[in-house]
C-alpha atoms as a PDB file:
ATOM      1  CA  UNK A   1    -147.478  37.278 195.858  1.00  0.00           C
ATOM      2  CA  UNK A   2    -146.652  35.694 192.695  1.00  0.00           C
ATOM      3  CA  UNK A   3    -148.268  33.348 190.144  1.00  0.00           C
ATOM      4  CA  UNK A   4    -145.674  31.172 188.289  1.00  0.00           C
ATOM      5  CA  UNK A   5    -145.693  28.985 185.239  1.00  0.00           C
ATOM      6  CA  UNK A   6    -147.571  31.557 183.158  1.00  0.00           C
ATOM      7  CA  UNK A   7    -147.287  31.193 179.284  1.00  0.00           C
ATOM      8  CA  UNK A   8    -144.863  33.272 177.382  1.00  0.00           C
ATOM      9  CA  UNK A   9    -145.927  36.254 175.281  1.00  0.00           C
ATOM     10  CA  UNK A  10    -149.521  36.056 176.626  1.00  0.00           C
ATOM     11  CA  UNK A  11    -151.622  39.089 177.624  1.00  0.00           C
ATOM     12  CA  UNK A  12    -153.320  38.848 180.974  1.00  0.00           C
ATOM     13  CA  UNK A  13    -156.161  41.032 182.038  1.00  0.00           C
ATOM     14  CA  UNK A  14    -156.235  42.105 185.850  1.00  0.00           C
ATOM     15  CA  UNK A  15    -158.371  44.054 188.156  1.00  0.00           C
ATOM     16  CA  UNK A  16    -158.799  44.455 191.796  1.00  0.00           C
ATOM     17  CA  UNK A  17    -161.079  45.526 194.738  1.00  0.00           C
ATOM     18  CA  UNK A  18    -160.380  46.184 198.500  1.00  0.00           C
ATOM     19  CA  UNK A  19    -162.274  45.350 201.736  1.00  0.00           C
ATOM     20  CA  UNK A  20    -162.314  46.920 205.208  1.00  0.00           C
ATOM     21  CA  UNK A  21    -164.369  46.067 208.171  1.00  0.00           C
ATOM     22  CA  UNK A  22    -167.544  47.089 206.442  1.00  0.00           C
ATOM     23  CA  UNK A  23    -167.092  45.002 203.405  1.00  0.00           C
ATOM     24  CA  UNK A  24    -165.857  45.110 199.986  1.00  0.00           C
ATOM     25  CA  UNK A  25    -165.714  48.106 197.527  1.00  0.00           C
ATOM     26  CA  UNK A  26    -168.727  48.312 195.481  1.00  0.00           C
ATOM     27  CA  UNK A  27    -166.875  47.524 192.245  1.00  0.00           C
ATOM     28  CA  UNK A  28    -163.580  46.753 190.851  1.00  0.00           C
ATOM     29  CA  UNK A  29    -160.895  48.893 189.436  1.00  0.00           C
ATOM     30  CA  UNK A  30    -160.477  49.528 185.858  1.00  0.00           C
ATOM     31  CA  UNK A  31    -158.874  46.435 183.957  1.00  0.00           C
ATOM     32  CA  UNK A  32    -155.398  46.486 183.049  1.00  0.00           C
ATOM     33  CA  UNK A  33    -153.604  44.243 180.407  1.00  0.00           C
ATOM     34  CA  UNK A  34    -150.277  42.978 181.366  1.00  0.00           C
ATOM     35  CA  UNK A  35    -148.109  40.549 179.223  1.00  0.00           C
ATOM     36  CA  UNK A  36    -145.519  38.019 180.012  1.00  0.00           C
ATOM     37  CA  UNK A  37    -142.814  39.718 178.281  1.00  0.00           C
ATOM     38  CA  UNK A  38    -139.525  41.287 179.483  1.00  0.00           C
ATOM     39  CA  UNK A  39    -136.504  42.973 178.116  1.00  0.00           C
ATOM     40  CA  UNK A  40    -134.242  41.000 175.789  1.00  0.00           C
ATOM     41  CA  UNK A  41    -131.869  38.588 177.128  1.00  0.00           C
ATOM     42  CA  UNK A  42    -127.874  39.434 177.513  1.00  0.00           C
ATOM     43  CA  UNK A  43    -125.946  38.831 174.296  1.00  0.00           C
ATOM     44  CA  UNK A  44    -123.415  35.989 174.676  1.00  0.00           C
ATOM     45  CA  UNK A  45    -119.924  37.606 174.381  1.00  0.00           C
ATOM     46  CA  UNK A  46    -118.769  34.406 173.062  1.00  0.00           C
ATOM     47  CA  UNK A  47    -120.904  34.929 169.865  1.00  0.00           C
ATOM     48  CA  UNK A  48    -119.384  38.462 169.095  1.00  0.00           C
ATOM     49  CA  UNK A  49    -116.534  38.420 166.741  1.00  0.00           C
ATOM     50  CA  UNK A  50    -114.516  41.667 165.597  1.00  0.00           C
ATOM     51  CA  UNK A  51    -112.455  40.690 162.276  1.00  0.00           C
ATOM     52  CA  UNK A  52    -110.342  42.660 159.992  1.00  0.00           C
ATOM     53  CA  UNK A  53    -111.407  42.116 156.495  1.00  0.00           C
ATOM     54  CA  UNK A  54    -109.062  44.113 153.997  1.00  0.00           C
ATOM     55  CA  UNK A  55    -109.412  47.766 155.117  1.00  0.00           C
ATOM     56  CA  UNK A  56    -112.595  47.307 157.221  1.00  0.00           C
ATOM     57  CA  UNK A  57    -113.517  46.055 160.612  1.00  0.00           C
ATOM     58  CA  UNK A  58    -116.439  43.543 160.641  1.00  0.00           C
ATOM     59  CA  UNK A  59    -118.533  43.123 163.815  1.00  0.00           C
ATOM     60  CA  UNK A  60    -120.747  40.152 164.110  1.00  0.00           C
ATOM     61  CA  UNK A  61    -122.916  38.944 166.951  1.00  0.00           C
ATOM     62  CA  UNK A  62    -125.771  36.679 167.800  1.00  0.00           C
ATOM     63  CA  UNK A  63    -129.306  37.877 168.474  1.00  0.00           C
ATOM     64  CA  UNK A  64    -130.268  37.206 172.214  1.00  0.00           C
ATOM     65  CA  UNK A  65    -133.486  35.766 173.437  1.00  0.00           C
ATOM     66  CA  UNK A  66    -136.500  38.132 172.836  1.00  0.00           C
ATOM     67  CA  UNK A  67    -138.330  37.260 175.909  1.00  0.00           C
ATOM     68  CA  UNK A  68    -141.685  37.620 174.116  1.00  0.00           C
ATOM     69  CA  UNK A  69    -141.042  40.946 172.346  1.00  0.00           C
ATOM     70  CA  UNK A  70    -139.133  41.396 169.088  1.00  0.00           C
ATOM     71  CA  UNK A  71    -135.875  43.291 169.340  1.00  0.00           C
ATOM     72  CA  UNK A  72    -136.000  46.767 167.996  1.00  0.00           C
ATOM     73  CA  UNK A  73    -132.510  47.535 167.908  1.00  0.00           C
ATOM     74  CA  UNK A  74    -128.914  47.361 169.197  1.00  0.00           C
ATOM     75  CA  UNK A  75    -126.588  49.634 170.919  1.00  0.00           C
ATOM     76  CA  UNK A  76    -122.975  48.832 169.751  1.00  0.00           C
ATOM     77  CA  UNK A  77    -120.487  50.668 171.892  1.00  0.00           C
ATOM     78  CA  UNK A  78    -116.539  51.043 171.072  1.00  0.00           C
ATOM     79  CA  UNK A  79    -113.971  51.834 173.663  1.00  0.00           C
ATOM     80  CA  UNK A  80    -112.892  55.441 172.431  1.00  0.00           C
ATOM     81  CA  UNK A  81    -109.526  55.183 174.023  1.00  0.00           C
ATOM     82  CA  UNK A  82    -107.110  52.436 175.175  1.00  0.00           C
ATOM     83  CA  UNK A  83    -107.316  52.880 178.863  1.00  0.00           C
ATOM     84  CA  UNK A  84    -108.007  50.685 181.797  1.00  0.00           C
ATOM     85  CA  UNK A  85    -111.340  52.200 182.133  1.00  0.00           C
ATOM     86  CA  UNK A  86    -112.142  53.647 178.846  1.00  0.00           C
ATOM     87  CA  UNK A  87    -115.277  55.573 177.754  1.00  0.00           C
ATOM     88  CA  UNK A  88    -117.356  53.590 175.528  1.00  0.00           C
ATOM     89  CA  UNK A  89    -119.111  55.486 172.574  1.00  0.00           C
ATOM     90  CA  UNK A  90    -121.426  54.648 169.560  1.00  0.00           C
ATOM     91  CA  UNK A  91    -120.186  54.611 165.971  1.00  0.00           C
ATOM     92  CA  UNK A  92    -123.395  55.739 164.301  1.00  0.00           C
ATOM     93  CA  UNK A  93    -122.126  56.307 160.696  1.00  0.00           C
ATOM     94  CA  UNK A  94    -121.382  52.716 159.836  1.00  0.00           C
ATOM     95  CA  UNK A  95    -122.556  50.735 163.018  1.00  0.00           C
ATOM     96  CA  UNK A  96    -125.861  52.174 164.048  1.00  0.00           C
ATOM     97  CA  UNK A  97    -127.963  49.417 165.668  1.00  0.00           C
ATOM     98  CA  UNK A  98    -131.110  51.242 164.962  1.00  0.00           C
ATOM     99  CA  UNK A  99    -130.566  50.544 161.196  1.00  0.00           C
ATOM    100  CA  UNK A 100    -132.803  47.805 159.820  1.00  0.00           C
ATOM    101  CA  UNK A 101    -130.089  46.067 157.930  1.00  0.00           C
ATOM    102  CA  UNK A 102    -127.565  46.042 160.640  1.00  0.00           C
ATOM    103  CA  UNK A 103    -130.523  44.969 163.221  1.00  0.00           C
ATOM    104  CA  UNK A 104    -131.516  42.064 160.849  1.00  0.00           C
ATOM    105  CA  UNK A 105    -128.097  41.022 159.954  1.00  0.00           C
ATOM    106  CA  UNK A 106    -126.649  41.466 163.423  1.00  0.00           C
ATOM    107  CA  UNK A 107    -123.544  42.801 161.810  1.00  0.00           C
ATOM    108  CA  UNK A 108    -121.731  45.963 160.660  1.00  0.00           C
ATOM    109  CA  UNK A 109    -118.797  47.128 158.756  1.00  0.00           C
ATOM    110  CA  UNK A 110    -116.635  49.858 159.655  1.00  0.00           C
ATOM    111  CA  UNK A 111    -113.659  51.303 157.607  1.00  0.00           C
ATOM    112  CA  UNK A 112    -110.474  50.881 159.733  1.00  0.00           C
ATOM    113  CA  UNK A 113    -109.958  54.598 159.374  1.00  0.00           C
ATOM    114  CA  UNK A 114    -112.708  55.315 161.623  1.00  0.00           C
ATOM    115  CA  UNK A 115    -110.643  54.367 164.397  1.00  0.00           C
ATOM    116  CA  UNK A 116    -107.766  56.724 163.848  1.00  0.00           C
ATOM    117  CA  UNK A 117    -107.566  59.732 166.352  1.00  0.00           C
ATOM    118  CA  UNK A 118    -106.862  61.896 163.244  1.00  0.00           C
ATOM    119  CA  UNK A 119    -110.260  61.541 161.819  1.00  0.00           C
ATOM    120  CA  UNK A 120    -113.574  63.256 162.766  1.00  0.00           C
ATOM    121  CA  UNK A 121    -114.853  60.028 164.300  1.00  0.00           C
ATOM    122  CA  UNK A 122    -115.525  59.823 168.088  1.00  0.00           C
ATOM    123  CA  UNK A 123    -113.169  56.798 168.164  1.00  0.00           C
ATOM    124  CA  UNK A 124    -109.773  58.180 169.111  1.00  0.00           C
ATOM    125  CA  UNK A 125    -107.557  55.166 168.954  1.00  0.00           C
ATOM    126  CA  UNK A 126    -103.965  54.912 167.612  1.00  0.00           C
ATOM    127  CA  UNK A 127    -102.050  52.385 165.837  1.00  0.00           C
ATOM    128  CA  UNK A 128    -101.553  49.325 167.929  1.00  0.00           C
ATOM    129  CA  UNK A 129    -104.572  50.022 170.049  1.00  0.00           C
ATOM    130  CA  UNK A 130    -106.820  47.242 170.788  1.00  0.00           C
ATOM    131  CA  UNK A 131    -110.488  47.383 169.451  1.00  0.00           C
ATOM    132  CA  UNK A 132    -112.951  46.601 172.377  1.00  0.00           C
ATOM    133  CA  UNK A 133    -116.781  46.666 172.139  1.00  0.00           C
ATOM    134  CA  UNK A 134    -119.822  45.710 174.231  1.00  0.00           C
ATOM    135  CA  UNK A 135    -123.452  45.280 172.906  1.00  0.00           C
ATOM    136  CA  UNK A 136    -127.045  45.478 174.072  1.00  0.00           C
ATOM    137  CA  UNK A 137    -130.372  44.925 172.627  1.00  0.00           C
ATOM    138  CA  UNK A 138    -133.680  46.543 173.362  1.00  0.00           C
ATOM    139  CA  UNK A 139    -137.304  45.648 172.772  1.00  0.00           C
ATOM    140  CA  UNK A 140    -140.765  47.426 173.742  1.00  0.00           C
ATOM    141  CA  UNK A 141    -140.027  46.641 177.407  1.00  0.00           C
ATOM    142  CA  UNK A 142    -136.528  48.026 177.713  1.00  0.00           C
ATOM    143  CA  UNK A 143    -132.805  47.342 177.448  1.00  0.00           C
ATOM    144  CA  UNK A 144    -130.945  44.138 178.069  1.00  0.00           C
ATOM    145  CA  UNK A 145    -127.721  43.974 180.171  1.00  0.00           C
ATOM    146  CA  UNK A 146    -124.676  44.719 178.037  1.00  0.00           C
ATOM    147  CA  UNK A 147    -122.594  41.791 177.033  1.00  0.00           C
ATOM    148  CA  UNK A 148    -119.203  41.359 178.414  1.00  0.00           C
ATOM    149  CA  UNK A 149    -116.482  43.415 176.861  1.00  0.00           C
ATOM    150  CA  UNK A 150    -114.983  41.827 173.795  1.00  0.00           C
ATOM    151  CA  UNK A 151    -111.455  42.506 172.758  1.00  0.00           C
ATOM    152  CA  UNK A 152    -110.808  42.376 168.908  1.00  0.00           C
ATOM    153  CA  UNK A 153    -107.637  43.115 166.521  1.00  0.00           C
ATOM    154  CA  UNK A 154    -105.300  46.188 167.027  1.00  0.00           C
ATOM    155  CA  UNK A 155    -105.765  49.412 165.131  1.00  0.00           C
ATOM    156  CA  UNK A 156    -103.844  49.271 161.882  1.00  0.00           C
ATOM    157  CA  UNK A 157    -102.676  52.417 159.801  1.00  0.00           C
ATOM    158  CA  UNK A 158    -100.574  53.204 156.824  1.00  0.00           C
ATOM    159  CA  UNK A 159     -96.885  52.631 157.151  1.00  0.00           C
ATOM    160  CA  UNK A 160     -94.790  55.167 158.851  1.00  0.00           C
ATOM    161  CA  UNK A 161     -92.314  57.153 156.477  1.00  0.00           C
ATOM    162  CA  UNK A 162     -89.307  54.913 156.174  1.00  0.00           C
ATOM    163  CA  UNK A 163     -86.412  56.268 158.343  1.00  0.00           C
ATOM    164  CA  UNK A 164     -83.640  54.684 156.266  1.00  0.00           C
ATOM    165  CA  UNK A 165     -82.458  55.557 152.793  1.00  0.00           C
ATOM    166  CA  UNK A 166     -82.049  52.857 149.863  1.00  0.00           C
ATOM    167  CA  UNK A 167     -78.348  51.414 149.832  1.00  0.00           C
ATOM    168  CA  UNK A 168     -76.228  50.490 146.955  1.00  0.00           C
ATOM    169  CA  UNK A 169     -75.824  46.899 146.480  1.00  0.00           C
ATOM    170  CA  UNK A 170     -72.095  46.415 145.878  1.00  0.00           C
ATOM    171  CA  UNK A 171     -72.530  42.765 144.595  1.00  0.00           C
ATOM    172  CA  UNK A 172     -74.970  43.605 141.638  1.00  0.00           C
ATOM    173  CA  UNK A 173     -73.877  47.387 140.700  1.00  0.00           C
ATOM    174  CA  UNK A 174     -71.604  47.707 137.568  1.00  0.00           C
ATOM    175  CA  UNK A 175     -70.999  50.221 134.989  1.00  0.00           C
ATOM    176  CA  UNK A 176     -74.245  49.251 133.129  1.00  0.00           C
ATOM    177  CA  UNK A 177     -76.566  48.670 136.019  1.00  0.00           C
ATOM    178  CA  UNK A 178     -77.332  49.590 139.708  1.00  0.00           C
ATOM    179  CA  UNK A 179     -78.185  47.144 142.457  1.00  0.00           C
ATOM    180  CA  UNK A 180     -80.362  48.692 145.202  1.00  0.00           C
ATOM    181  CA  UNK A 181     -81.320  47.314 148.697  1.00  0.00           C
ATOM    182  CA  UNK A 182     -84.218  48.508 150.549  1.00  0.00           C
ATOM    183  CA  UNK A 183     -84.221  48.334 154.178  1.00  0.00           C
ATOM    184  CA  UNK A 184     -87.023  45.707 155.113  1.00  0.00           C
ATOM    185  CA  UNK A 185     -89.832  46.985 157.299  1.00  0.00           C
ATOM    186  CA  UNK A 186     -90.805  44.188 159.793  1.00  0.00           C
ATOM    187  CA  UNK A 187     -94.391  42.878 159.530  1.00  0.00           C
ATOM    188  CA  UNK A 188     -96.576  43.875 162.441  1.00  0.00           C
ATOM    189  CA  UNK A 189     -94.191  46.699 163.645  1.00  0.00           C
ATOM    190  CA  UNK A 190     -95.065  50.303 164.100  1.00  0.00           C
ATOM    191  CA  UNK A 191     -93.220  51.132 160.941  1.00  0.00           C
ATOM    192  CA  UNK A 192     -95.424  48.681 159.084  1.00  0.00           C
ATOM    193  CA  UNK A 193     -98.556  50.242 160.723  1.00  0.00           C
ATOM    194  CA  UNK A 194     -98.920  47.139 162.959  1.00  0.00           C
ATOM    195  CA  UNK A 195     -99.931  45.040 159.758  1.00  0.00           C
ATOM    196  CA  UNK A 196     -97.853  43.580 156.826  1.00  0.00           C
ATOM    197  CA  UNK A 197     -96.400  45.475 153.969  1.00  0.00           C
ATOM    198  CA  UNK A 198     -98.178  44.695 150.560  1.00  0.00           C
ATOM    199  CA  UNK A 199     -95.718  46.627 148.378  1.00  0.00           C
ATOM    200  CA  UNK A 200     -92.328  48.629 148.172  1.00  0.00           C
ATOM    201  CA  UNK A 201     -92.660  51.597 145.793  1.00  0.00           C
ATOM    202  CA  UNK A 202     -88.908  52.480 144.457  1.00  0.00           C
ATOM    203  CA  UNK A 203     -88.679  55.679 142.462  1.00  0.00           C
ATOM    204  CA  UNK A 204     -85.641  57.408 140.557  1.00  0.00           C
ATOM    205  CA  UNK A 205     -84.303  60.543 139.052  1.00  0.00           C
ATOM    206  CA  UNK A 206     -80.989  61.483 137.494  1.00  0.00           C
ATOM    207  CA  UNK A 207     -79.419  63.011 140.590  1.00  0.00           C
ATOM    208  CA  UNK A 208     -81.114  66.356 140.487  1.00  0.00           C
ATOM    209  CA  UNK A 209     -84.568  68.090 140.342  1.00  0.00           C
ATOM    210  CA  UNK A 210     -87.733  67.175 142.082  1.00  0.00           C
ATOM    211  CA  UNK A 211     -89.397  64.935 139.481  1.00  0.00           C
ATOM    212  CA  UNK A 212     -89.104  61.217 140.322  1.00  0.00           C
ATOM    213  CA  UNK A 213     -90.419  58.411 138.309  1.00  0.00           C
ATOM    214  CA  UNK A 214     -91.437  54.869 139.172  1.00  0.00           C
ATOM    215  CA  UNK A 215     -89.206  51.942 138.901  1.00  0.00           C
ATOM    216  CA  UNK A 216     -91.521  49.318 140.701  1.00  0.00           C
ATOM    217  CA  UNK A 217     -94.092  48.909 143.371  1.00  0.00           C
ATOM    218  CA  UNK A 218     -96.929  51.446 142.630  1.00  0.00           C
ATOM    219  CA  UNK A 219     -98.580  50.513 139.309  1.00  0.00           C
ATOM    220  CA  UNK A 220     -97.714  46.737 140.190  1.00  0.00           C
ATOM    221  CA  UNK A 221     -96.992  45.339 143.610  1.00  0.00           C
ATOM    222  CA  UNK A 222     -93.538  44.575 144.614  1.00  0.00           C
ATOM    223  CA  UNK A 223     -92.137  42.792 147.692  1.00  0.00           C
ATOM    224  CA  UNK A 224     -88.443  42.546 146.603  1.00  0.00           C
ATOM    225  CA  UNK A 225     -86.118  44.488 148.842  1.00  0.00           C
ATOM    226  CA  UNK A 226     -83.155  43.798 146.682  1.00  0.00           C
ATOM    227  CA  UNK A 227     -83.457  45.126 142.951  1.00  0.00           C
ATOM    228  CA  UNK A 228     -81.229  45.278 139.920  1.00  0.00           C
ATOM    229  CA  UNK A 229     -81.980  48.172 137.566  1.00  0.00           C
ATOM    230  CA  UNK A 230     -80.499  48.167 134.038  1.00  0.00           C
ATOM    231  CA  UNK A 231     -82.846  50.472 132.145  1.00  0.00           C
ATOM    232  CA  UNK A 232     -84.916  53.513 133.037  1.00  0.00           C
ATOM    233  CA  UNK A 233     -87.769  55.323 131.507  1.00  0.00           C
ATOM    234  CA  UNK A 234     -88.889  58.771 132.521  1.00  0.00           C
ATOM    235  CA  UNK A 235     -92.742  59.115 133.030  1.00  0.00           C
END
């Protein structure tokens, strides 16, 4: 038996009694209050975005329908490994959906380093693995269904140690200057940490010892891979 067309977010009082061949019970049951509210609606996956902003990963989503009861929090789950059927886990340090600010903003920001398997985080991804999430909301009644899984950018890391040494540029090397060619690292490659190189740091010494000194690239950014050096300063 169902009554349809009731008002949303409205409390109704109900009671009942029973009858047999001798008649009705002498009184009604205790009164129960039942409201027309349900768990939140499913979060629309098309509203979920995962974006790299600098060295962070920003997750944003749209609040679902409350269905008569305010959303109390979100469960934001991340694929912990890049598998066909991965385990999904929460990242509670930076993306705890119980947090008032995160719940209100429907957004959280996580350092990219949290996704590296070398950290103490529960997210054990490696360079080039795709970041995948799913989200659900809850209210006083219960949990919504999870959103569909949403794929975001890949995990990026610091560049790998260069495997090739700098080379002498024969065209620009003279008795008073040296020309240096740095092997270029391809953007988006494993060697680049799956991202783009923002600076090449070149250092020098006089051919012996362990102390090296900056030529360019650490104190100021440098993207030149062919350089001419005609003066050097220690320190």
